[in-house]
Amino acid sequence: MPNPVYPTTLNQDFLLGSSIEFQSNTITSATGVGPPKLRRRYTTVFDKITTPVKYTSAELVIFRTFFNTTLLNGSLKFDWKDPDTGTLKTYQFMNPPAFTASGNKIWSGTLTLTEVTT
């Protein structure tokens, strides 16, 4: 079954202030002689992506339906356009987003995602 796609009626671009945090994937082991050995821990790591979003009240309703109903409260993976390449990549929410009213029916929040390799 294909992944749901981030709603096309919402902004598809990551906004200024977005960040990608590479996750640690190494482990250091002591050796009997010489310097410690540094090696790769896992074959795959999932980078943390944080992006601010701004939605109108109507867009927030669309997002809420996508998050709560389509993604079963954020438990499912979804596809969204990669900001650098424009190709679809698979993401998953690391935690539920929170939104703050920022005036004139505009809601500001932050999406914290992980890129999922399949």
PDB file of N, CA and C in Angstrom:
ATOM      1  N   MET A   1       0.844  -1.173   0.000  1.00  0.00           N
ATOM      2  CA  MET A   1       0.000   0.000   0.000  1.00  0.00           C
ATOM      3  C   MET A   1       0.894   1.242   0.000  1.00  0.00           C
ATOM      4  N   PRO A   2       0.671   2.179  -0.925  1.00  0.00           N
ATOM      5  CA  PRO A   2       1.505   3.383  -0.968  1.00  0.00           C
ATOM      6  C   PRO A   2       1.250   4.281   0.237  1.00  0.00           C
ATOM      7  N   ASN A   3       2.263   5.062   0.559  1.00  0.00           N
ATOM      8  CA  ASN A   3       2.142   6.009   1.676  1.00  0.00           C
ATOM      9  C   ASN A   3       1.213   7.151   1.303  1.00  0.00           C
ATOM     10  N   PRO A   4       0.504   7.717   2.292  1.00  0.00           N
ATOM     11  CA  PRO A   4      -0.244   8.949   2.034  1.00  0.00           C
ATOM     12  C   PRO A   4       0.741  10.060   1.649  1.00  0.00           C
ATOM     13  N   VAL A   5       0.250  11.047   0.944  1.00  0.00           N
ATOM     14  CA  VAL A   5       1.083  12.179   0.514  1.00  0.00           C
ATOM     15  C   VAL A   5       0.659  13.422   1.282  1.00  0.00           C
ATOM     16  N   TYR A   6       1.644  14.198   1.703  1.00  0.00           N
ATOM     17  CA  TYR A   6       1.375  15.466   2.385  1.00  0.00           C
ATOM     18  C   TYR A   6       0.410  16.280   1.517  1.00  0.00           C
ATOM     19  N   PRO A   7      -0.620  16.878   2.111  1.00  0.00           N
ATOM     20  CA  PRO A   7      -1.664  17.547   1.308  1.00  0.00           C
ATOM     21  C   PRO A   7      -1.108  18.613   0.364  1.00  0.00           C
ATOM     22  N   THR A   8      -1.487  18.503  -0.898  1.00  0.00           N
ATOM     23  CA  THR A   8      -1.006  19.449  -1.905  1.00  0.00           C
ATOM     24  C   THR A   8      -1.622  20.834  -1.721  1.00  0.00           C
ATOM     25  N   THR A   9      -2.686  20.936  -0.939  1.00  0.00           N
ATOM     26  CA  THR A   9      -3.308  22.243  -0.680  1.00  0.00           C
ATOM     27  C   THR A   9      -2.540  23.033   0.375  1.00  0.00           C
ATOM     28  N   LEU A  10      -1.550  22.407   1.011  1.00  0.00           N
ATOM     29  CA  LEU A  10      -0.701  23.098   1.983  1.00  0.00           C
ATOM     30  C   LEU A  10       0.636  23.427   1.331  1.00  0.00           C
ATOM     31  N   ASN A  11       1.351  24.403   1.895  1.00  0.00           N
ATOM     32  CA  ASN A  11       2.653  24.812   1.379  1.00  0.00           C
ATOM     33  C   ASN A  11       3.575  23.600   1.290  1.00  0.00           C
ATOM     34  N   GLN A  12       4.196  23.399   0.142  1.00  0.00           N
ATOM     35  CA  GLN A  12       5.060  22.236  -0.094  1.00  0.00           C
ATOM     36  C   GLN A  12       6.526  22.497   0.216  1.00  0.00           C
ATOM     37  N   ASP A  13       6.886  23.729   0.477  1.00  0.00           N
ATOM     38  CA  ASP A  13       8.290  24.070   0.694  1.00  0.00           C
ATOM     39  C   ASP A  13       8.623  24.141   2.177  1.00  0.00           C
ATOM     40  N   PHE A  14       9.840  23.729   2.516  1.00  0.00           N
ATOM     41  CA  PHE A  14      10.315  23.919   3.867  1.00  0.00           C
ATOM     42  C   PHE A  14      10.630  25.409   4.010  1.00  0.00           C
ATOM     43  N   LEU A  15      10.240  26.007   5.125  1.00  0.00           N
ATOM     44  CA  LEU A  15      10.407  27.440   5.318  1.00  0.00           C
ATOM     45  C   LEU A  15      11.785  27.771   5.865  1.00  0.00           C
ATOM     46  N   LEU A  16      12.125  29.059   5.775  1.00  0.00           N
ATOM     47  CA  LEU A  16      13.364  29.559   6.355  1.00  0.00           C
ATOM     48  C   LEU A  16      13.387  29.187   7.829  1.00  0.00           C
ATOM     49  N   GLY A  17      14.472  28.676   8.301  1.00  0.00           N
ATOM     50  CA  GLY A  17      14.573  28.229   9.680  1.00  0.00           C
ATOM     51  C   GLY A  17      14.492  26.725   9.816  1.00  0.00           C
ATOM     52  N   SER A  18      14.266  26.035   8.696  1.00  0.00           N
ATOM     53  CA  SER A  18      14.248  24.566   8.730  1.00  0.00           C
ATOM     54  C   SER A  18      15.655  24.057   9.014  1.00  0.00           C
ATOM     55  N   SER A  19      15.729  22.869   9.620  1.00  0.00           N
ATOM     56  CA  SER A  19      17.051  22.327   9.927  1.00  0.00           C
ATOM     57  C   SER A  19      17.060  20.814   9.737  1.00  0.00           C
ATOM     58  N   ILE A  20      18.239  20.303   9.457  1.00  0.00           N
ATOM     59  CA  ILE A  20      18.471  18.865   9.384  1.00  0.00           C
ATOM     60  C   ILE A  20      19.560  18.556  10.389  1.00  0.00           C
ATOM     61  N   GLU A  21      19.269  17.641  11.284  1.00  0.00           N
ATOM     62  CA  GLU A  21      20.235  17.257  12.316  1.00  0.00           C
ATOM     63  C   GLU A  21      20.664  15.817  12.057  1.00  0.00           C
ATOM     64  N   PHE A  22      21.935  15.653  11.673  1.00  0.00           N
ATOM     65  CA  PHE A  22      22.458  14.316  11.437  1.00  0.00           C
ATOM     66  C   PHE A  22      22.572  13.598  12.776  1.00  0.00           C
ATOM     67  N   GLN A  23      22.152  12.355  12.803  1.00  0.00           N
ATOM     68  CA  GLN A  23      22.182  11.577  14.039  1.00  0.00           C
ATOM     69  C   GLN A  23      23.499  10.818  14.151  1.00  0.00           C
ATOM     70  N   SER A  24      23.940  10.632  15.375  1.00  0.00           N
ATOM     71  CA  SER A  24      25.178   9.914  15.635  1.00  0.00           C
ATOM     72  C   SER A  24      25.042   8.463  15.197  1.00  0.00           C
ATOM     73  N   ASN A  25      26.079   7.966  14.552  1.00  0.00           N
ATOM     74  CA  ASN A  25      26.056   6.583  14.087  1.00  0.00           C
ATOM     75  C   ASN A  25      27.414   5.916  14.280  1.00  0.00           C
ATOM     76  N   THR A  26      28.149   6.342  15.290  1.00  0.00           N
ATOM     77  CA  THR A  26      29.450   5.733  15.535  1.00  0.00           C
ATOM     78  C   THR A  26      29.555   5.296  16.991  1.00  0.00           C
ATOM     79  N   ILE A  27      30.430   4.372  17.214  1.00  0.00           N
ATOM     80  CA  ILE A  27      30.722   3.882  18.558  1.00  0.00           C
ATOM     81  C   ILE A  27      32.235   3.739  18.668  1.00  0.00           C
ATOM     82  N   THR A  28      32.753   4.072  19.823  1.00  0.00           N
ATOM     83  CA  THR A  28      34.183   3.984  20.067  1.00  0.00           C
ATOM     84  C   THR A  28      34.454   2.795  20.984  1.00  0.00           C
ATOM     85  N   SER A  29      35.437   1.992  20.618  1.00  0.00           N
ATOM     86  CA  SER A  29      35.814   0.826  21.422  1.00  0.00           C
ATOM     87  C   SER A  29      37.289   0.936  21.773  1.00  0.00           C
ATOM     88  N   ALA A  30      37.592   0.601  23.014  1.00  0.00           N
ATOM     89  CA  ALA A  30      38.991   0.590  23.433  1.00  0.00           C
ATOM     90  C   ALA A  30      39.695  -0.611  22.798  1.00  0.00           C
ATOM     91  N   THR A  31      40.945  -0.419  22.476  1.00  0.00           N
ATOM     92  CA  THR A  31      41.755  -1.518  21.948  1.00  0.00           C
ATOM     93  C   THR A  31      42.840  -1.831  22.963  1.00  0.00           C
ATOM     94  N   GLY A  32      43.449  -2.998  22.849  1.00  0.00           N
ATOM     95  CA  GLY A  32      44.508  -3.376  23.787  1.00  0.00           C
ATOM     96  C   GLY A  32      45.713  -2.468  23.665  1.00  0.00           C
ATOM     97  N   VAL A  33      46.011  -2.083  22.446  1.00  0.00           N
ATOM     98  CA  VAL A  33      47.159  -1.223  22.178  1.00  0.00           C
ATOM     99  C   VAL A  33      46.749  -0.215  21.116  1.00  0.00           C
ATOM    100  N   GLY A  34      47.191   1.008  21.276  1.00  0.00           N
ATOM    101  CA  GLY A  34      46.933   2.022  20.267  1.00  0.00           C
ATOM    102  C   GLY A  34      45.662   2.819  20.540  1.00  0.00           C
ATOM    103  N   PRO A  35      45.305   3.635  19.566  1.00  0.00           N
ATOM    104  CA  PRO A  35      44.153   4.513  19.758  1.00  0.00           C
ATOM    105  C   PRO A  35      42.834   3.730  19.749  1.00  0.00           C
ATOM    106  N   PRO A  36      41.791   4.302  20.323  1.00  0.00           N
ATOM    107  CA  PRO A  36      40.488   3.632  20.298  1.00  0.00           C
ATOM    108  C   PRO A  36      40.009   3.452  18.865  1.00  0.00           C
ATOM    109  N   LYS A  37      39.203   2.407  18.673  1.00  0.00           N
ATOM    110  CA  LYS A  37      38.665   2.105  17.352  1.00  0.00           C
ATOM    111  C   LYS A  37      37.299   2.783  17.215  1.00  0.00           C
ATOM    112  N   LEU A  38      37.098   3.503  16.134  1.00  0.00           N
ATOM    113  CA  LEU A  38      35.820   4.162  15.841  1.00  0.00           C
ATOM    114  C   LEU A  38      35.185   3.423  14.679  1.00  0.00           C
ATOM    115  N   ARG A  39      33.934   2.985  14.879  1.00  0.00           N
ATOM    116  CA  ARG A  39      33.263   2.253  13.812  1.00  0.00           C
ATOM    117  C   ARG A  39      31.813   2.683  13.704  1.00  0.00           C
ATOM    118  N   ARG A  40      31.236   2.319  12.586  1.00  0.00           N
ATOM    119  CA  ARG A  40      29.827   2.598  12.321  1.00  0.00           C
ATOM    120  C   ARG A  40      28.968   1.679  13.196  1.00  0.00           C
ATOM    121  N   ARG A  41      27.910   2.229  13.797  1.00  0.00           N
ATOM    122  CA  ARG A  41      27.055   1.454  14.689  1.00  0.00           C
ATOM    123  C   ARG A  41      25.931   0.741  13.935  1.00  0.00           C
ATOM    124  N   TYR A  42      25.240   1.454  13.058  1.00  0.00           N
ATOM    125  CA  TYR A  42      24.090   0.900  12.337  1.00  0.00           C
ATOM    126  C   TYR A  42      24.304   1.066  10.837  1.00  0.00           C
ATOM    127  N   THR A  43      23.566   0.314  10.042  1.00  0.00           N
ATOM    128  CA  THR A  43      23.671   0.462   8.587  1.00  0.00           C
ATOM    129  C   THR A  43      22.859   1.659   8.100  1.00  0.00           C
ATOM    130  N   THR A  44      21.850   2.077   8.865  1.00  0.00           N
ATOM    131  CA  THR A  44      21.015   3.212   8.477  1.00  0.00           C
ATOM    132  C   THR A  44      20.731   4.079   9.691  1.00  0.00           C
ATOM    133  N   VAL A  45      20.791   5.378   9.513  1.00  0.00           N
ATOM    134  CA  VAL A  45      20.360   6.310  10.556  1.00  0.00           C
ATOM    135  C   VAL A  45      19.281   7.205   9.971  1.00  0.00           C
ATOM    136  N   PHE A  46      18.474   7.753  10.828  1.00  0.00           N
ATOM    137  CA  PHE A  46      17.373   8.593  10.403  1.00  0.00           C
ATOM    138  C   PHE A  46      17.620  10.007  10.894  1.00  0.00           C
ATOM    139  N   ASP A  47      17.827  10.923   9.962  1.00  0.00           N
ATOM    140  CA  ASP A  47      18.112  12.304  10.317  1.00  0.00           C
ATOM    141  C   ASP A  47      16.858  13.002  10.828  1.00  0.00           C
ATOM    142  N   LYS A  48      17.046  13.895  11.785  1.00  0.00           N
ATOM    143  CA  LYS A  48      15.944  14.672  12.360  1.00  0.00           C
ATOM    144  C   LYS A  48      15.776  15.950  11.543  1.00  0.00           C
ATOM    145  N   ILE A  49      14.554  16.192  11.087  1.00  0.00           N
ATOM    146  CA  ILE A  49      14.258  17.370  10.279  1.00  0.00           C
ATOM    147  C   ILE A  49      13.234  18.202  11.032  1.00  0.00           C
ATOM    148  N   THR A  50      13.538  19.469  11.202  1.00  0.00           N
ATOM    149  CA  THR A  50      12.635  20.386  11.880  1.00  0.00           C
ATOM    150  C   THR A  50      12.310  21.509  10.909  1.00  0.00           C
ATOM    151  N   THR A  51      11.024  21.775  10.724  1.00  0.00           N
ATOM    152  CA  THR A  51      10.629  22.849   9.820  1.00  0.00           C
ATOM    153  C   THR A  51       9.466  23.636  10.412  1.00  0.00           C
ATOM    154  N   PRO A  52       9.604  24.955  10.438  1.00  0.00           N
ATOM    155  CA  PRO A  52       8.473  25.769  10.888  1.00  0.00           C
ATOM    156  C   PRO A  52       7.400  25.802   9.808  1.00  0.00           C
ATOM    157  N   VAL A  53       6.143  25.918  10.225  1.00  0.00           N
ATOM    158  CA  VAL A  53       5.028  26.029   9.285  1.00  0.00           C
ATOM    159  C   VAL A  53       4.096  27.138   9.746  1.00  0.00           C
ATOM    160  N   LYS A  54       3.415  27.726   8.788  1.00  0.00           N
ATOM    161  CA  LYS A  54       2.372  28.717   9.073  1.00  0.00           C
ATOM    162  C   LYS A  54       1.142  28.310   8.287  1.00  0.00           C
ATOM    163  N   TYR A  55       0.025  28.160   8.980  1.00  0.00           N
ATOM    164  CA  TYR A  55      -1.228  27.766   8.356  1.00  0.00           C
ATOM    165  C   TYR A  55      -2.314  28.781   8.688  1.00  0.00           C
ATOM    166  N   THR A  56      -3.188  29.018   7.723  1.00  0.00           N
ATOM    167  CA  THR A  56      -4.412  29.755   8.027  1.00  0.00           C
ATOM    168  C   THR A  56      -5.306  28.813   8.827  1.00  0.00           C
ATOM    169  N   SER A  57      -6.384  29.319   9.367  1.00  0.00           N
ATOM    170  CA  SER A  57      -7.313  28.458  10.112  1.00  0.00           C
ATOM    171  C   SER A  57      -7.840  27.332   9.234  1.00  0.00           C
ATOM    172  N   ALA A  58      -8.153  27.644   7.971  1.00  0.00           N
ATOM    173  CA  ALA A  58      -8.649  26.617   7.045  1.00  0.00           C
ATOM    174  C   ALA A  58      -7.569  25.577   6.758  1.00  0.00           C
ATOM    175  N   GLU A  59      -6.327  26.011   6.592  1.00  0.00           N
ATOM    176  CA  GLU A  59      -5.229  25.070   6.336  1.00  0.00           C
ATOM    177  C   GLU A  59      -4.961  24.197   7.559  1.00  0.00           C
ATOM    178  N   LEU A  60      -5.132  24.766   8.750  1.00  0.00           N
ATOM    179  CA  LEU A  60      -4.926  23.983   9.965  1.00  0.00           C
ATOM    180  C   LEU A  60      -5.951  22.847  10.051  1.00  0.00           C
ATOM    181  N   VAL A  61      -7.161  23.099   9.609  1.00  0.00           N
ATOM    182  CA  VAL A  61      -8.180  22.039   9.573  1.00  0.00           C
ATOM    183  C   VAL A  61      -7.726  20.922   8.638  1.00  0.00           C
ATOM    184  N   ILE A  62      -7.188  21.280   7.477  1.00  0.00           N
ATOM    185  CA  ILE A  62      -6.682  20.287   6.519  1.00  0.00           C
ATOM    186  C   ILE A  62      -5.544  19.491   7.141  1.00  0.00           C
ATOM    187  N   PHE A  63      -4.596  20.211   7.779  1.00  0.00           N
ATOM    188  CA  PHE A  63      -3.463  19.526   8.402  1.00  0.00           C
ATOM    189  C   PHE A  63      -3.932  18.614   9.531  1.00  0.00           C
ATOM    190  N   ARG A  64      -4.834  19.099  10.363  1.00  0.00           N
ATOM    191  CA  ARG A  64      -5.335  18.307  11.489  1.00  0.00           C
ATOM    192  C   ARG A  64      -5.973  17.000  10.991  1.00  0.00           C
ATOM    193  N   THR A  65      -6.757  17.089   9.923  1.00  0.00           N
ATOM    194  CA  THR A  65      -7.376  15.889   9.346  1.00  0.00           C
ATOM    195  C   THR A  65      -6.301  14.944   8.820  1.00  0.00           C
ATOM    196  N   PHE A  66      -5.298  15.493   8.140  1.00  0.00           N
ATOM    197  CA  PHE A  66      -4.192  14.683   7.620  1.00  0.00           C
ATOM    198  C   PHE A  66      -3.466  13.978   8.765  1.00  0.00           C
ATOM    199  N   PHE A  67      -3.110  14.716   9.817  1.00  0.00           N
ATOM    200  CA  PHE A  67      -2.350  14.159  10.933  1.00  0.00           C
ATOM    201  C   PHE A  67      -3.172  13.142  11.731  1.00  0.00           C
ATOM    202  N   ASN A  68      -4.380  13.533  12.135  1.00  0.00           N
ATOM    203  CA  ASN A  68      -5.183  12.689  13.029  1.00  0.00           C
ATOM    204  C   ASN A  68      -5.883  11.526  12.321  1.00  0.00           C
ATOM    205  N   THR A  69      -6.400  11.773  11.129  1.00  0.00           N
ATOM    206  CA  THR A  69      -7.196  10.748  10.446  1.00  0.00           C
ATOM    207  C   THR A  69      -6.356   9.950   9.449  1.00  0.00           C
ATOM    208  N   THR A  70      -5.728  10.654   8.513  1.00  0.00           N
ATOM    209  CA  THR A  70      -4.965   9.963   7.466  1.00  0.00           C
ATOM    210  C   THR A  70      -3.754   9.238   8.050  1.00  0.00           C
ATOM    211  N   LEU A  71      -3.021   9.923   8.950  1.00  0.00           N
ATOM    212  CA  LEU A  71      -1.800   9.332   9.517  1.00  0.00           C
ATOM    213  C   LEU A  71      -2.030   8.662  10.869  1.00  0.00           C
ATOM    214  N   LEU A  72      -3.298   8.521  11.260  1.00  0.00           N
ATOM    215  CA  LEU A  72      -3.632   7.871  12.536  1.00  0.00           C
ATOM    216  C   LEU A  72      -2.835   8.495  13.686  1.00  0.00           C
ATOM    217  N   ASN A  73      -3.040   9.777  13.876  1.00  0.00           N
ATOM    218  CA  ASN A  73      -2.366  10.556  14.917  1.00  0.00           C
ATOM    219  C   ASN A  73      -0.845  10.562  14.766  1.00  0.00           C
ATOM    220  N   GLY A  74      -0.403  10.591  13.520  1.00  0.00           N
ATOM    221  CA  GLY A  74       1.028  10.688  13.238  1.00  0.00           C
ATOM    222  C   GLY A  74       1.785   9.380  13.297  1.00  0.00           C
ATOM    223  N   SER A  75       1.086   8.260  13.390  1.00  0.00           N
ATOM    224  CA  SER A  75       1.774   6.971  13.527  1.00  0.00           C
ATOM    225  C   SER A  75       2.210   6.369  12.191  1.00  0.00           C
ATOM    226  N   LEU A  76       1.663   6.864  11.083  1.00  0.00           N
ATOM    227  CA  LEU A  76       2.013   6.320   9.777  1.00  0.00           C
ATOM    228  C   LEU A  76       3.054   7.178   9.062  1.00  0.00           C
ATOM    229  N   LYS A  77       3.760   6.570   8.141  1.00  0.00           N
ATOM    230  CA  LYS A  77       4.715   7.290   7.290  1.00  0.00           C
ATOM    231  C   LYS A  77       3.938   8.011   6.198  1.00  0.00           C
ATOM    232  N   PHE A  78       4.559   9.048   5.649  1.00  0.00           N
ATOM    233  CA  PHE A  78       3.939   9.774   4.544  1.00  0.00           C
ATOM    234  C   PHE A  78       5.019  10.293   3.610  1.00  0.00           C
ATOM    235  N   ASP A  79       4.617  10.626   2.394  1.00  0.00           N
ATOM    236  CA  ASP A  79       5.546  11.150   1.396  1.00  0.00           C
ATOM    237  C   ASP A  79       5.372  12.658   1.273  1.00  0.00           C
ATOM    238  N   TRP A  80       6.505  13.345   1.098  1.00  0.00           N
ATOM    239  CA  TRP A  80       6.507  14.794   0.959  1.00  0.00           C
ATOM    240  C   TRP A  80       7.679  15.156   0.062  1.00  0.00           C
ATOM    241  N   LYS A  81       7.546  16.253  -0.625  1.00  0.00           N
ATOM    242  CA  LYS A  81       8.584  16.712  -1.550  1.00  0.00           C
ATOM    243  C   LYS A  81       9.857  17.083  -0.792  1.00  0.00           C
ATOM    244  N   ASP A  82      10.981  16.552  -1.257  1.00  0.00           N
ATOM    245  CA  ASP A  82      12.277  16.913  -0.691  1.00  0.00           C
ATOM    246  C   ASP A  82      12.578  18.364  -1.068  1.00  0.00           C
ATOM    247  N   PRO A  83      12.976  19.195  -0.101  1.00  0.00           N
ATOM    248  CA  PRO A  83      13.189  20.614  -0.406  1.00  0.00           C
ATOM    249  C   PRO A  83      14.359  20.880  -1.346  1.00  0.00           C
ATOM    250  N   ASP A  84      15.316  19.966  -1.406  1.00  0.00           N
ATOM    251  CA  ASP A  84      16.486  20.169  -2.261  1.00  0.00           C
ATOM    252  C   ASP A  84      16.291  19.617  -3.666  1.00  0.00           C
ATOM    253  N   THR A  85      15.738  18.419  -3.771  1.00  0.00           N
ATOM    254  CA  THR A  85      15.655  17.752  -5.070  1.00  0.00           C
ATOM    255  C   THR A  85      14.280  17.843  -5.717  1.00  0.00           C
ATOM    256  N   GLY A  86      13.246  18.090  -4.912  1.00  0.00           N
ATOM    257  CA  GLY A  86      11.891  18.134  -5.445  1.00  0.00           C
ATOM    258  C   GLY A  86      11.264  16.761  -5.625  1.00  0.00           C
ATOM    259  N   THR A  87      12.017  15.695  -5.326  1.00  0.00           N
ATOM    260  CA  THR A  87      11.469  14.344  -5.427  1.00  0.00           C
ATOM    261  C   THR A  87      10.759  13.976  -4.123  1.00  0.00           C
ATOM    262  N   LEU A  88       9.852  13.013  -4.206  1.00  0.00           N
ATOM    263  CA  LEU A  88       9.155  12.580  -3.003  1.00  0.00           C
ATOM    264  C   LEU A  88      10.076  11.731  -2.131  1.00  0.00           C
ATOM    265  N   LYS A  89      10.038  12.010  -0.825  1.00  0.00           N
ATOM    266  CA  LYS A  89      10.753  11.201   0.159  1.00  0.00           C
ATOM    267  C   LYS A  89       9.756  10.805   1.224  1.00  0.00           C
ATOM    268  N   THR A  90      10.096   9.790   1.977  1.00  0.00           N
ATOM    269  CA  THR A  90       9.211   9.287   3.021  1.00  0.00           C
ATOM    270  C   THR A  90       9.651   9.829   4.373  1.00  0.00           C
ATOM    271  N   TYR A  91       8.674  10.353   5.122  1.00  0.00           N
ATOM    272  CA  TYR A  91       8.917  10.942   6.437  1.00  0.00           C
ATOM    273  C   TYR A  91       7.956  10.348   7.447  1.00  0.00           C
ATOM    274  N   GLN A  92       8.283  10.552   8.728  1.00  0.00           N
ATOM    275  CA  GLN A  92       7.387  10.192   9.811  1.00  0.00           C
ATOM    276  C   GLN A  92       7.554  11.228  10.915  1.00  0.00           C
ATOM    277  N   PHE A  93       6.465  11.538  11.596  1.00  0.00           N
ATOM    278  CA  PHE A  93       6.523  12.495  12.695  1.00  0.00           C
ATOM    279  C   PHE A  93       7.258  11.881  13.875  1.00  0.00           C
ATOM    280  N   MET A  94       8.138  12.663  14.497  1.00  0.00           N
ATOM    281  CA  MET A  94       8.828  12.215  15.699  1.00  0.00           C
ATOM    282  C   MET A  94       7.965  12.497  16.931  1.00  0.00           C
ATOM    283  N   ASN A  95       7.145  13.541  16.855  1.00  0.00           N
ATOM    284  CA  ASN A  95       6.218  13.870  17.941  1.00  0.00           C
ATOM    285  C   ASN A  95       5.097  14.728  17.364  1.00  0.00           C
ATOM    286  N   PRO A  96       3.980  14.814  18.064  1.00  0.00           N
ATOM    287  CA  PRO A  96       2.874  15.630  17.549  1.00  0.00           C
ATOM    288  C   PRO A  96       3.266  17.112  17.523  1.00  0.00           C
ATOM    289  N   PRO A  97       2.874  17.832  16.481  1.00  0.00           N
ATOM    290  CA  PRO A  97       3.194  19.258  16.422  1.00  0.00           C
ATOM    291  C   PRO A  97       2.296  20.062  17.355  1.00  0.00           C
ATOM    292  N   ALA A  98       2.773  21.226  17.739  1.00  0.00           N
ATOM    293  CA  ALA A  98       1.987  22.169  18.536  1.00  0.00           C
ATOM    294  C   ALA A  98       1.915  23.469  17.749  1.00  0.00           C
ATOM    295  N   PHE A  99       0.791  24.158  17.839  1.00  0.00           N
ATOM    296  CA  PHE A  99       0.592  25.397  17.091  1.00  0.00           C
ATOM    297  C   PHE A  99       0.221  26.529  18.035  1.00  0.00           C
ATOM    298  N   THR A 100       0.646  27.731  17.666  1.00  0.00           N
ATOM    299  CA  THR A 100       0.347  28.937  18.420  1.00  0.00           C
ATOM    300  C   THR A 100      -0.288  29.946  17.476  1.00  0.00           C
ATOM    301  N   ALA A 101      -1.352  30.578  17.936  1.00  0.00           N
ATOM    302  CA  ALA A 101      -1.979  31.623  17.126  1.00  0.00           C
ATOM    303  C   ALA A 101      -1.010  32.796  17.029  1.00  0.00           C
ATOM    304  N   SER A 102      -0.734  33.207  15.791  1.00  0.00           N
ATOM    305  CA  SER A 102       0.205  34.319  15.610  1.00  0.00           C
ATOM    306  C   SER A 102      -0.491  35.526  14.985  1.00  0.00           C
ATOM    307  N   GLY A 103      -1.793  35.607  15.151  1.00  0.00           N
ATOM    308  CA  GLY A 103      -2.532  36.784  14.707  1.00  0.00           C
ATOM    309  C   GLY A 103      -3.243  36.603  13.392  1.00  0.00           C
ATOM    310  N   ASN A 104      -4.386  37.242  13.270  1.00  0.00           N
ATOM    311  CA  ASN A 104      -5.172  37.274  12.047  1.00  0.00           C
ATOM    312  C   ASN A 104      -5.443  35.884  11.472  1.00  0.00           C
ATOM    313  N   LYS A 105      -5.842  34.962  12.348  1.00  0.00           N
ATOM    314  CA  LYS A 105      -6.183  33.595  11.959  1.00  0.00           C
ATOM    315  C   LYS A 105      -5.023  32.845  11.295  1.00  0.00           C
ATOM    316  N   ILE A 106      -3.822  33.142  11.737  1.00  0.00           N
ATOM    317  CA  ILE A 106      -2.626  32.438  11.273  1.00  0.00           C
ATOM    318  C   ILE A 106      -2.086  31.627  12.451  1.00  0.00           C
ATOM    319  N   TRP A 107      -1.774  30.381  12.181  1.00  0.00           N
ATOM    320  CA  TRP A 107      -1.243  29.480  13.195  1.00  0.00           C
ATOM    321  C   TRP A 107       0.192  29.105  12.842  1.00  0.00           C
ATOM    322  N   SER A 108       1.105  29.262  13.792  1.00  0.00           N
ATOM    323  CA  SER A 108       2.520  28.927  13.595  1.00  0.00           C
ATOM    324  C   SER A 108       2.855  27.690  14.409  1.00  0.00           C
ATOM    325  N   GLY A 109       3.628  26.804  13.805  1.00  0.00           N
ATOM    326  CA  GLY A 109       4.043  25.593  14.506  1.00  0.00           C
ATOM    327  C   GLY A 109       5.343  25.072  13.941  1.00  0.00           C
ATOM    328  N   THR A 110       5.770  23.969  14.484  1.00  0.00           N
ATOM    329  CA  THR A 110       7.000  23.323  14.028  1.00  0.00           C
ATOM    330  C   THR A 110       6.726  21.847  13.840  1.00  0.00           C
ATOM    331  N   LEU A 111       7.119  21.330  12.685  1.00  0.00           N
ATOM    332  CA  LEU A 111       7.005  19.905  12.411  1.00  0.00           C
ATOM    333  C   LEU A 111       8.370  19.267  12.659  1.00  0.00           C
ATOM    334  N   THR A 112       8.406  18.240  13.475  1.00  0.00           N
ATOM    335  CA  THR A 112       9.643  17.509  13.742  1.00  0.00           C
ATOM    336  C   THR A 112       9.480  16.127  13.133  1.00  0.00           C
ATOM    337  N   LEU A 113      10.301  15.870  12.116  1.00  0.00           N
ATOM    338  CA  LEU A 113      10.165  14.665  11.305  1.00  0.00           C
ATOM    339  C   LEU A 113      11.464  13.874  11.287  1.00  0.00           C
ATOM    340  N   THR A 114      11.353  12.648  10.860  1.00  0.00           N
ATOM    341  CA  THR A 114      12.518  11.864  10.541  1.00  0.00           C
ATOM    342  C   THR A 114      12.343  11.341   9.131  1.00  0.00           C
ATOM    343  N   GLU A 115      13.408  11.397   8.354  1.00  0.00           N
ATOM    344  CA  GLU A 115      13.358  10.837   7.005  1.00  0.00           C
ATOM    345  C   GLU A 115      13.506   9.331   7.114  1.00  0.00           C
ATOM    346  N   VAL A 116      12.608   8.602   6.508  1.00  0.00           N
ATOM    347  CA  VAL A 116      12.591   7.147   6.620  1.00  0.00           C
ATOM    348  C   VAL A 116      13.051   6.552   5.301  1.00  0.00           C
ATOM    349  N   THR A 117      14.068   5.720   5.370  1.00  0.00           N
ATOM    350  CA  THR A 117      14.495   4.995   4.173  1.00  0.00           C
ATOM    351  C   THR A 117      13.772   3.669   4.152  1.00  0.00           C
ATOM    352  N   THR A 118      13.259   3.318   2.991  1.00  0.00           N
ATOM    353  CA  THR A 118      12.482   2.086   2.913  1.00  0.00           C
ATOM    354  C   THR A 118      13.207   1.034   2.116  1.00  0.00           C
TER     355      THR A 118
END
